[in-house]
């Protein structure tokens, strides 16, 4: 009876070893669960970065469209960033006087008699 069970034990041991090897590859091997989780976190980070860049691109596209369509936007940018004025305009700069510093007067104290 021991001789008849021996081949079954060897087959069971081989099947168990095969199962263990497959489980190891599933969890820790290339393309396994750990690698998949790492790739998923990279995909999530990249998607978040892409959303931010898409918002920035939308703002820039709106600004480009505004500059193309309206003269007022270009004029406002030229005035604020480049300090330009229209022909015939007079530029007046108002300079505020510097804040005065209150210096307390020196008090000479005479010794009391």
Protein backbone atom coordinates (compact mmCIF):
# COMPACT_ATOMS: atom_id res chain seq x y z
CA UNK A 1 0.00 0.00 0.00
CA UNK A 2 2.91 2.28 0.65
CA UNK A 3 4.23 1.64 -2.85
CA UNK A 4 0.89 2.52 -4.46
CA UNK A 5 0.62 5.85 -2.61
CA UNK A 6 4.16 6.95 -3.47
CA UNK A 7 3.39 8.11 -7.07
CA UNK A 8 0.35 10.03 -5.78
CA UNK A 9 2.49 11.76 -3.17
CA UNK A 10 5.05 12.73 -5.81
CA UNK A 11 2.30 14.09 -8.07
CA UNK A 12 0.74 15.98 -5.15
CA UNK A 13 4.15 17.42 -4.22
CA UNK A 14 4.79 18.48 -7.82
CA UNK A 15 1.34 20.08 -8.05
CA UNK A 16 1.93 21.91 -4.76
CA UNK A 17 5.34 23.15 -6.00
CA UNK A 18 3.72 24.29 -9.25
CA UNK A 19 1.01 26.13 -7.30
CA UNK A 20 3.61 27.81 -5.07
CA UNK A 21 5.67 28.87 -8.10
CA UNK A 22 2.59 30.29 -9.85
CA UNK A 23 1.54 32.18 -6.72
CA UNK A 24 5.04 33.64 -6.37
CA UNK A 25 4.96 34.86 -9.98
CA UNK A 26 1.46 36.25 -9.50
CA UNK A 27 2.38 38.34 -6.48
CA UNK A 28 6.07 39.17 -6.89
CA UNK A 29 7.07 38.36 -10.46
CA UNK A 30 7.27 40.68 -13.46
CA UNK A 31 3.78 41.92 -14.23
CA UNK A 32 2.55 40.66 -10.88
CA UNK A 33 0.33 42.37 -8.34
CA UNK A 34 3.13 44.50 -6.84
CA UNK A 35 4.31 45.74 -10.23
CA UNK A 36 0.71 46.41 -11.26
CA UNK A 37 0.08 48.46 -8.12
CA UNK A 38 3.25 50.50 -8.78
CA UNK A 39 2.21 51.15 -12.37
CA UNK A 40 -1.29 52.14 -11.26
CA UNK A 41 0.13 54.70 -8.82
CA UNK A 42 2.32 56.11 -11.62
CA UNK A 43 -0.72 56.33 -13.89
CA UNK A 44 -2.69 58.15 -11.18
CA UNK A 45 0.13 60.67 -10.62
CA UNK A 46 0.46 61.26 -14.36
CA UNK A 47 -3.29 61.71 -14.74
CA UNK A 48 -3.31 64.32 -11.96
CA UNK A 49 -0.39 66.15 -13.60
CA UNK A 50 -2.17 65.99 -16.97
CA UNK A 51 -5.32 67.51 -15.47
CA UNK A 52 -3.29 70.44 -14.11
CA UNK A 53 -1.55 70.94 -17.43
CA UNK A 54 -4.87 70.76 -19.28
CA UNK A 55 -6.26 73.53 -17.05
CA UNK A 56 -3.17 75.64 -17.73
CA UNK A 57 -3.52 75.00 -21.47
CA UNK A 58 -7.18 76.03 -21.36
CA UNK A 59 -6.26 79.30 -19.63
CA UNK A 60 -3.52 80.00 -22.15
CA UNK A 61 -5.82 79.17 -25.07
CA UNK A 62 -8.44 81.56 -23.69
CA UNK A 63 -5.81 84.29 -23.33
CA UNK A 64 -4.56 83.72 -26.89
CA UNK A 65 -8.13 83.88 -28.21
CA UNK A 66 -8.72 87.08 -26.24
CA UNK A 67 -5.56 88.64 -27.65
CA UNK A 68 -6.48 87.60 -31.20
CA UNK A 69 -10.05 88.83 -31.05
CA UNK A 70 -9.85 92.03 -29.07
CA UNK A 71 -7.71 95.09 -29.38
CA UNK A 72 -8.54 96.07 -25.81
CA UNK A 73 -6.68 93.07 -24.36
CA UNK A 74 -3.54 93.82 -26.37
CA UNK A 75 -3.74 97.50 -25.42
CA UNK A 76 -4.19 96.68 -21.75
CA UNK A 77 -1.22 94.32 -21.81
CA UNK A 78 0.96 96.88 -23.62
CA UNK A 79 0.04 99.55 -21.08
CA UNK A 80 0.54 97.43 -17.97
CA UNK A 81 3.57 95.37 -18.93
CA UNK A 82 5.41 97.64 -21.35
CA UNK A 83 4.38 101.06 -20.06
CA UNK A 84 3.18 102.20 -23.50
CA UNK A 85 0.82 105.12 -24.10
CA UNK A 86 -1.26 106.19 -27.09
CA UNK A 87 -0.16 109.00 -29.38
CA UNK A 88 -1.47 112.31 -28.09
CA UNK A 89 -1.80 111.08 -24.51
CA UNK A 90 0.10 112.69 -21.71
CA UNK A 91 1.60 110.46 -19.11
CA UNK A 92 1.53 111.73 -15.56
CA UNK A 93 3.37 109.92 -12.83
CA UNK A 94 2.31 110.62 -9.28
CA UNK A 95 5.12 110.13 -6.86
CA UNK A 96 4.18 109.96 -3.23
CA UNK A 97 6.56 111.71 -0.84
CA UNK A 98 8.50 109.32 1.32
CA UNK A 99 7.01 108.66 4.70
CA UNK A 100 8.50 111.06 7.20
CA UNK A 101 10.35 109.52 10.07
CA UNK A 102 9.50 111.03 13.41
CA UNK A 103 12.70 111.47 15.34
CA UNK A 104 12.14 112.49 18.92
CA UNK A 105 13.93 115.67 19.85
CA UNK A 106 16.85 115.23 22.14
CA UNK A 107 15.98 116.44 25.57
CA UNK A 108 18.78 117.86 27.61
CA UNK A 109 18.06 117.18 31.17
CA UNK A 110 19.85 119.32 33.63
CA UNK A 111 20.67 117.70 36.90
CA UNK A 112 18.26 118.60 39.60
CA UNK A 113 19.73 120.95 42.26
